[in-house]
Structures are given as C-alpha cells and as structure tokens.
C-alpha cells in the first residue's frame, strides 16, 4: 500500500481536471483512484455508415486504445518514479471495451457512437 505522500503524488499525476486537459485528437483519457485501484478509461466518438464499417473501426480503435492506454500507464509510472523515487507496480485486474450508440436515424445513413475502453489496475506493494 502507498503512503499518504505517494497517494497524493499519484493523485496529482492522474488529475486531468482544473486546467489539465488530456484530449488528444478527440481521444480522451479519464482516471479514477480508489483505495489501491486505478481505473483508466479511453473515450472517443465514432462516425459510421454501416454495421461493417463499425466493426472495422472497432478493430482499429481496439488497437489504438491499447497503445494509448499503454503509453499513459508508462507515463504515469515514469512520473511517479521521478517525483517519489519509488517504482509504481501495477497489476491488471480487468480490461473491457464497449460501444454506446449516441445518434442513429432511419432517415440518415450516418450514425454516431461512443467507444470506451476501461482498464482497471491494482497497485502492488
């Protein structure tokens, strides 16, 4: 378990509110820290015209979100090491993705969905 100083430091690293945006070309990362669990969620909006186009984009977004989240975890670990001098060890508890339809109409071929991927990591001693 992290001590209070390390928890405060990790919270500051994960904070992307109050003027600290984490929006990269429409891709956004949100984070939560609760007890010894860190949750990172990747969000992006997807425009598509057919079911097949959605499947193809989902495959690409799956790879892209894995890379994005992987680089963010590496960045969090390096910043934590830089600020505290201690290594941050994380163990993956879960990894899931989903698509939520935002807008779809029978009159328009264009549909809009929200793609989310959430990775839950446990802080190891």
C-alpha atoms as a PDB file:
ATOM      1  CA  UNK A   1       0.000   0.000   0.000  1.00  0.00           C
ATOM      2  CA  UNK A   2       1.192   3.513  -0.768  1.00  0.00           C
ATOM      3  CA  UNK A   3       1.834   6.038   1.979  1.00  0.00           C
ATOM      4  CA  UNK A   4      -0.057   9.358   2.103  1.00  0.00           C
ATOM      5  CA  UNK A   5       2.652  11.302   0.260  1.00  0.00           C
ATOM      6  CA  UNK A   6       2.742   8.721  -2.570  1.00  0.00           C
ATOM      7  CA  UNK A   7      -1.067   8.657  -2.807  1.00  0.00           C
ATOM      8  CA  UNK A   8      -1.123  12.474  -3.074  1.00  0.00           C
ATOM      9  CA  UNK A   9       1.588  12.364  -5.744  1.00  0.00           C
ATOM     10  CA  UNK A  10      -0.246   9.687  -7.759  1.00  0.00           C
ATOM     11  CA  UNK A  11      -3.494  11.652  -7.450  1.00  0.00           C
ATOM     12  CA  UNK A  12      -1.778  14.748  -8.859  1.00  0.00           C
ATOM     13  CA  UNK A  13      -0.354  12.724 -11.749  1.00  0.00           C
ATOM     14  CA  UNK A  14      -3.770  11.219 -12.562  1.00  0.00           C
ATOM     15  CA  UNK A  15      -5.604  14.551 -12.228  1.00  0.00           C
ATOM     16  CA  UNK A  16      -6.700  15.814 -15.644  1.00  0.00           C
ATOM     17  CA  UNK A  17      -9.184  18.415 -14.425  1.00  0.00           C
ATOM     18  CA  UNK A  18      -8.868  22.052 -13.422  1.00  0.00           C
ATOM     19  CA  UNK A  19      -6.911  23.167 -16.462  1.00  0.00           C
ATOM     20  CA  UNK A  20      -5.117  19.882 -17.134  1.00  0.00           C
ATOM     21  CA  UNK A  21      -6.786  18.519 -20.251  1.00  0.00           C
ATOM     22  CA  UNK A  22      -5.977  15.080 -21.626  1.00  0.00           C
ATOM     23  CA  UNK A  23      -7.679  15.380 -25.027  1.00  0.00           C
ATOM     24  CA  UNK A  24      -5.646  14.108 -27.975  1.00  0.00           C
ATOM     25  CA  UNK A  25      -7.394  14.489 -31.376  1.00  0.00           C
ATOM     26  CA  UNK A  26     -10.793  13.631 -29.947  1.00  0.00           C
ATOM     27  CA  UNK A  27      -9.393  10.814 -27.813  1.00  0.00           C
ATOM     28  CA  UNK A  28      -9.795  11.416 -24.097  1.00  0.00           C
ATOM     29  CA  UNK A  29      -8.468   9.610 -21.024  1.00  0.00           C
ATOM     30  CA  UNK A  30     -10.156   9.792 -17.645  1.00  0.00           C
ATOM     31  CA  UNK A  31      -8.814   8.237 -14.486  1.00  0.00           C
ATOM     32  CA  UNK A  32     -10.003   7.263 -11.018  1.00  0.00           C
ATOM     33  CA  UNK A  33      -8.050   6.335  -7.915  1.00  0.00           C
ATOM     34  CA  UNK A  34      -9.891   4.454  -5.180  1.00  0.00           C
ATOM     35  CA  UNK A  35      -8.046   2.683  -2.390  1.00  0.00           C
ATOM     36  CA  UNK A  36      -5.359   0.691  -4.215  1.00  0.00           C
ATOM     37  CA  UNK A  37      -7.142   0.531  -7.593  1.00  0.00           C
ATOM     38  CA  UNK A  38      -6.548   2.821 -10.580  1.00  0.00           C
ATOM     39  CA  UNK A  39      -9.118   2.864 -13.406  1.00  0.00           C
ATOM     40  CA  UNK A  40      -8.209   4.394 -16.765  1.00  0.00           C
ATOM     41  CA  UNK A  41     -10.911   4.954 -19.388  1.00  0.00           C
ATOM     42  CA  UNK A  42     -10.276   5.822 -23.053  1.00  0.00           C
ATOM     43  CA  UNK A  43     -13.164   7.625 -24.846  1.00  0.00           C
ATOM     44  CA  UNK A  44     -13.700   8.615 -28.466  1.00  0.00           C
ATOM     45  CA  UNK A  45     -16.601   9.368 -30.812  1.00  0.00           C
ATOM     46  CA  UNK A  46     -17.065   7.106 -33.848  1.00  0.00           C
ATOM     47  CA  UNK A  47     -18.945   8.070 -37.029  1.00  0.00           C
ATOM     48  CA  UNK A  48     -20.019   5.225 -39.294  1.00  0.00           C
ATOM     49  CA  UNK A  49     -22.485   4.439 -42.072  1.00  0.00           C
ATOM     50  CA  UNK A  50     -22.879   0.662 -41.867  1.00  0.00           C
ATOM     51  CA  UNK A  51     -22.529  -2.222 -39.450  1.00  0.00           C
ATOM     52  CA  UNK A  52     -19.440  -3.455 -41.301  1.00  0.00           C
ATOM     53  CA  UNK A  53     -17.802  -0.018 -41.105  1.00  0.00           C
ATOM     54  CA  UNK A  54     -18.410  -0.019 -37.350  1.00  0.00           C
ATOM     55  CA  UNK A  55     -16.774  -3.447 -36.983  1.00  0.00           C
ATOM     56  CA  UNK A  56     -13.722  -2.301 -38.966  1.00  0.00           C
ATOM     57  CA  UNK A  57     -13.402   0.905 -36.935  1.00  0.00           C
ATOM     58  CA  UNK A  58     -13.820  -1.025 -33.684  1.00  0.00           C
ATOM     59  CA  UNK A  59     -10.856  -3.239 -34.566  1.00  0.00           C
ATOM     60  CA  UNK A  60      -8.718  -0.170 -35.283  1.00  0.00           C
ATOM     61  CA  UNK A  61      -9.917   1.574 -32.100  1.00  0.00           C
ATOM     62  CA  UNK A  62      -9.161  -1.534 -30.050  1.00  0.00           C
ATOM     63  CA  UNK A  63      -5.517  -1.430 -31.175  1.00  0.00           C
ATOM     64  CA  UNK A  64      -5.323   2.356 -30.829  1.00  0.00           C
ATOM     65  CA  UNK A  65      -6.795   2.338 -27.324  1.00  0.00           C
ATOM     66  CA  UNK A  66      -4.361  -0.401 -26.237  1.00  0.00           C
ATOM     67  CA  UNK A  67      -1.428   1.706 -27.450  1.00  0.00           C
ATOM     68  CA  UNK A  68      -2.829   4.911 -25.940  1.00  0.00           C
ATOM     69  CA  UNK A  69      -3.524   3.327 -22.546  1.00  0.00           C
ATOM     70  CA  UNK A  70      -0.167   1.525 -22.576  1.00  0.00           C
ATOM     71  CA  UNK A  71       1.687   4.777 -23.191  1.00  0.00           C
ATOM     72  CA  UNK A  72      -0.338   6.508 -20.468  1.00  0.00           C
ATOM     73  CA  UNK A  73       0.499   3.777 -17.934  1.00  0.00           C
ATOM     74  CA  UNK A  74       4.185   4.078 -18.848  1.00  0.00           C
ATOM     75  CA  UNK A  75       3.963   7.859 -18.490  1.00  0.00           C
ATOM     76  CA  UNK A  76       2.252   7.565 -15.086  1.00  0.00           C
ATOM     77  CA  UNK A  77       4.920   5.121 -13.866  1.00  0.00           C
ATOM     78  CA  UNK A  78       7.803   7.322 -15.043  1.00  0.00           C
ATOM     79  CA  UNK A  79       6.299  10.485 -13.491  1.00  0.00           C
ATOM     80  CA  UNK A  80       5.679   8.628 -10.229  1.00  0.00           C
ATOM     81  CA  UNK A  81       9.291   7.386 -10.161  1.00  0.00           C
ATOM     82  CA  UNK A  82      10.549  10.887 -10.969  1.00  0.00           C
ATOM     83  CA  UNK A  83       8.543  12.544  -8.184  1.00  0.00           C
ATOM     84  CA  UNK A  84       8.823   9.933  -5.418  1.00  0.00           C
ATOM     85  CA  UNK A  85      11.946   7.959  -6.278  1.00  0.00           C
ATOM     86  CA  UNK A  86       9.955   4.726  -5.912  1.00  0.00           C
ATOM     87  CA  UNK A  87       8.708   2.400  -8.638  1.00  0.00           C
ATOM     88  CA  UNK A  88       4.954   2.075  -9.142  1.00  0.00           C
ATOM     89  CA  UNK A  89       3.937  -1.541  -9.716  1.00  0.00           C
ATOM     90  CA  UNK A  90       0.522  -2.126 -11.295  1.00  0.00           C
ATOM     91  CA  UNK A  91      -1.291  -5.412 -11.866  1.00  0.00           C
ATOM     92  CA  UNK A  92      -4.137  -5.528 -14.416  1.00  0.00           C
ATOM     93  CA  UNK A  93      -7.443  -6.596 -12.865  1.00  0.00           C
ATOM     94  CA  UNK A  94      -9.736  -6.074 -15.848  1.00  0.00           C
ATOM     95  CA  UNK A  95      -9.825  -4.757 -19.408  1.00  0.00           C
ATOM     96  CA  UNK A  96     -13.100  -4.157 -21.238  1.00  0.00           C
ATOM     97  CA  UNK A  97     -14.462  -2.082 -24.092  1.00  0.00           C
ATOM     98  CA  UNK A  98     -17.928  -1.119 -25.283  1.00  0.00           C
ATOM     99  CA  UNK A  99     -19.767   0.959 -27.858  1.00  0.00           C
ATOM    100  CA  UNK A 100     -22.739   3.137 -26.996  1.00  0.00           C
ATOM    101  CA  UNK A 101     -24.971   4.459 -29.765  1.00  0.00           C
ATOM    102  CA  UNK A 102     -25.428   8.221 -29.439  1.00  0.00           C
ATOM    103  CA  UNK A 103     -27.318   9.033 -32.605  1.00  0.00           C
ATOM    104  CA  UNK A 104     -28.947   6.838 -35.222  1.00  0.00           C
ATOM    105  CA  UNK A 105     -31.822   7.585 -37.579  1.00  0.00           C
ATOM    106  CA  UNK A 106     -33.604   5.584 -40.215  1.00  0.00           C
ATOM    107  CA  UNK A 107     -33.539   8.698 -42.427  1.00  0.00           C
ATOM    108  CA  UNK A 108     -29.776   9.172 -42.320  1.00  0.00           C
ATOM    109  CA  UNK A 109     -27.033   6.641 -43.089  1.00  0.00           C
ATOM    110  CA  UNK A 110     -24.678   8.436 -40.680  1.00  0.00           C
ATOM    111  CA  UNK A 111     -24.630   7.037 -37.165  1.00  0.00           C
ATOM    112  CA  UNK A 112     -22.637   8.214 -34.158  1.00  0.00           C
ATOM    113  CA  UNK A 113     -21.358   6.074 -31.307  1.00  0.00           C
ATOM    114  CA  UNK A 114     -19.123   6.467 -28.258  1.00  0.00           C
ATOM    115  CA  UNK A 115     -16.285   3.944 -27.903  1.00  0.00           C
ATOM    116  CA  UNK A 116     -14.966   3.298 -24.383  1.00  0.00           C
ATOM    117  CA  UNK A 117     -12.180   1.064 -23.113  1.00  0.00           C
ATOM    118  CA  UNK A 118     -11.615   0.732 -19.373  1.00  0.00           C
ATOM    119  CA  UNK A 119      -8.547  -0.808 -17.779  1.00  0.00           C
ATOM    120  CA  UNK A 120      -8.530  -1.428 -14.034  1.00  0.00           C
ATOM    121  CA  UNK A 121      -5.134  -1.748 -12.358  1.00  0.00           C
ATOM    122  CA  UNK A 122      -4.258  -2.724  -8.806  1.00  0.00           C
ATOM    123  CA  UNK A 123      -1.322  -1.051  -7.069  1.00  0.00           C
ATOM    124  CA  UNK A 124       1.144  -3.683  -5.841  1.00  0.00           C
ATOM    125  CA  UNK A 125       3.466  -3.329  -2.857  1.00  0.00           C
END
